[in-house]
Amino acid sequence: MNTLKPRIPAFLPWAGAALFGAAVGLGGWWLTVWARLHCLADQDAGGNLELNVLLLLVPGMGVLAALAALRIGRLLTRSAPTAVRRVTPVLLIAVMTVLPVWWVFADRGTLDGYPSHSDACPSSNIPPQWPDWIPA
């Protein structure tokens, strides 16, 4: 009996990578807003405008990073075994989207030395709830 194997549509990995990158970017933007609101840092018109611009840029950056990671992962593993061809792009997508978004949070979310209007945060503007084992 000749049965056909189900095939994954060609666009599905690209769409999944783009959605994952956008979700990670949106999560990073949300963390940035959360840190600033908790510490009441940069609560002026310029700071709010910056956060609105970041709302467009950070998820877009996540999408581009995820798509680039998928392409690089596929190019690097063309002649590798199937397991390596499946795992390598996924790991690259995770690393290449999380690291830039993490950098945006650490750079724009925790405004080191910016005068805070709240006693809830130290001068580094890193909220006390932030885990110590994750650098910010």
Protein backbone atom coordinates (compact mmCIF):
# COMPACT_ATOMS: atom_id res chain seq x y z
CA MET A 1 0.00 0.00 0.00
CA ASN A 2 1.44 3.31 -1.04
CA THR A 3 0.72 6.08 1.48
CA LEU A 4 1.75 9.69 1.20
CA LYS A 5 3.69 11.30 3.99
CA PRO A 6 2.16 14.55 5.22
CA ARG A 7 4.23 17.53 4.13
CA ILE A 8 4.68 20.79 5.97
CA PRO A 9 3.82 23.78 3.78
CA ALA A 10 6.96 25.70 2.80
CA PHE A 11 5.79 28.97 4.35
CA LEU A 12 4.99 27.49 7.77
CA PRO A 13 8.51 27.60 9.31
CA TRP A 14 8.96 31.18 8.07
CA ALA A 15 5.59 32.26 9.46
CA GLY A 16 6.30 30.52 12.77
CA ALA A 17 9.71 32.18 13.06
CA ALA A 18 8.21 35.59 12.29
CA LEU A 19 5.44 35.13 14.84
CA PHE A 20 7.89 33.96 17.48
CA GLY A 21 10.17 36.94 16.80
CA ALA A 22 7.25 39.36 17.04
CA ALA A 23 6.05 37.75 20.29
CA VAL A 24 9.52 37.94 21.86
CA GLY A 25 9.86 41.55 20.72
CA LEU A 26 6.48 42.45 22.15
CA GLY A 27 7.39 40.75 25.42
CA GLY A 28 10.62 42.74 25.58
CA TRP A 29 8.75 45.96 24.92
CA TRP A 30 6.29 45.09 27.68
CA LEU A 31 9.16 44.46 30.11
CA THR A 32 10.66 47.83 29.20
CA VAL A 33 7.36 49.61 29.86
CA TRP A 34 6.86 47.66 33.10
CA ALA A 35 10.30 48.60 34.45
CA ARG A 36 9.84 52.28 33.64
CA LEU A 37 6.36 52.44 35.11
CA HIS A 38 7.36 50.62 38.26
CA CYS A 39 10.27 52.97 38.91
CA LEU A 40 8.45 56.04 37.54
CA ALA A 41 11.51 56.78 35.43
CA ASP A 42 11.28 58.93 32.31
CA GLN A 43 7.57 59.70 32.69
CA ASP A 44 7.49 62.70 30.42
CA ALA A 45 6.33 63.28 26.86
CA GLY A 46 9.73 62.37 25.38
CA GLY A 47 9.92 59.10 27.30
CA ASN A 48 6.41 58.10 26.28
CA LEU A 49 7.17 58.94 22.65
CA GLU A 50 10.28 56.78 22.82
CA LEU A 51 8.24 53.85 24.15
CA ASN A 52 5.73 54.27 21.33
CA VAL A 53 8.52 54.23 18.75
CA LEU A 54 10.02 51.17 20.43
CA LEU A 55 6.63 49.45 20.13
CA LEU A 56 7.14 49.47 16.37
CA LEU A 57 10.88 48.80 16.30
CA VAL A 58 11.38 46.01 18.86
CA PRO A 59 8.85 43.49 17.47
CA GLY A 60 10.08 44.31 13.96
CA MET A 61 13.64 43.67 15.11
CA GLY A 62 12.50 40.35 16.59
CA VAL A 63 10.87 39.32 13.30
CA LEU A 64 13.96 40.18 11.26
CA ALA A 65 16.28 38.43 13.73
CA ALA A 66 14.12 35.28 13.70
CA LEU A 67 13.92 35.17 9.90
CA ALA A 68 17.67 35.71 9.58
CA ALA A 69 18.31 32.98 12.16
CA LEU A 70 16.09 30.54 10.27
CA ARG A 71 17.92 31.26 7.01
CA ILE A 72 21.36 30.97 8.62
CA GLY A 73 20.36 27.77 10.42
CA ARG A 74 19.15 26.21 7.19
CA LEU A 75 22.28 27.22 5.30
CA LEU A 76 24.60 25.85 7.99
CA THR A 77 22.85 22.49 8.22
CA ARG A 78 22.13 21.64 4.58
CA SER A 79 24.04 18.36 4.59
CA ALA A 80 23.60 17.54 8.30
CA PRO A 81 21.47 14.71 9.68
CA THR A 82 17.75 15.36 10.03
CA ALA A 83 17.82 15.89 13.80
CA VAL A 84 20.53 18.55 13.47
CA ARG A 85 18.67 20.21 10.57
CA ARG A 86 15.56 20.51 12.77
CA VAL A 87 17.15 21.58 16.06
CA THR A 88 19.82 24.06 14.92
CA PRO A 89 17.48 26.65 13.34
CA VAL A 90 15.18 26.50 16.38
CA LEU A 91 18.06 27.14 18.77
CA LEU A 92 19.42 29.93 16.57
CA ILE A 93 15.99 31.57 16.41
CA ALA A 94 15.67 31.45 20.21
CA VAL A 95 19.12 32.92 20.82
CA MET A 96 19.05 35.51 18.04
CA THR A 97 15.67 36.90 19.11
CA VAL A 98 16.08 36.83 22.89
CA LEU A 99 19.52 38.46 23.04
CA PRO A 100 18.71 41.70 21.13
CA VAL A 101 15.39 42.08 22.96
CA TRP A 102 17.17 41.54 26.27
CA TRP A 103 19.66 44.24 25.29
CA VAL A 104 16.80 46.66 24.53
CA PHE A 105 15.32 45.99 27.96
CA ALA A 106 18.66 46.45 29.71
CA ASP A 107 19.50 49.60 27.75
CA ARG A 108 16.13 51.37 27.45
CA GLY A 109 14.06 49.78 30.22
CA THR A 110 16.41 50.35 33.11
CA LEU A 111 17.62 53.92 32.75
CA ASP A 112 20.68 53.83 35.01
CA GLY A 113 21.07 57.06 36.95
CA TYR A 114 17.89 58.64 35.61
CA PRO A 115 16.10 60.48 38.42
CA SER A 116 13.23 58.33 39.62
CA HIS A 117 10.06 59.80 41.09
CA SER A 118 9.57 56.77 43.28
CA ASP A 119 11.38 55.24 46.22
CA ALA A 120 10.42 51.81 44.92
CA CYS A 121 13.64 51.42 42.89
CA PRO A 122 17.35 52.03 43.46
CA SER A 123 19.30 54.51 41.35
CA SER A 124 19.90 51.80 38.72
CA ASN A 125 16.11 51.81 38.03
CA ILE A 126 16.03 48.02 38.06
CA PRO A 127 12.80 46.98 39.80
CA PRO A 128 13.37 44.98 42.99
CA GLN A 129 11.22 42.11 41.64
CA TRP A 130 13.72 41.53 38.82
CA PRO A 131 15.64 38.28 39.47
CA ASP A 132 19.28 38.79 40.44
CA TRP A 133 20.42 35.91 38.26
CA ILE A 134 19.27 37.70 35.08
CA PRO A 135 21.56 40.66 34.33
CA ALA A 136 19.88 43.90 33.38
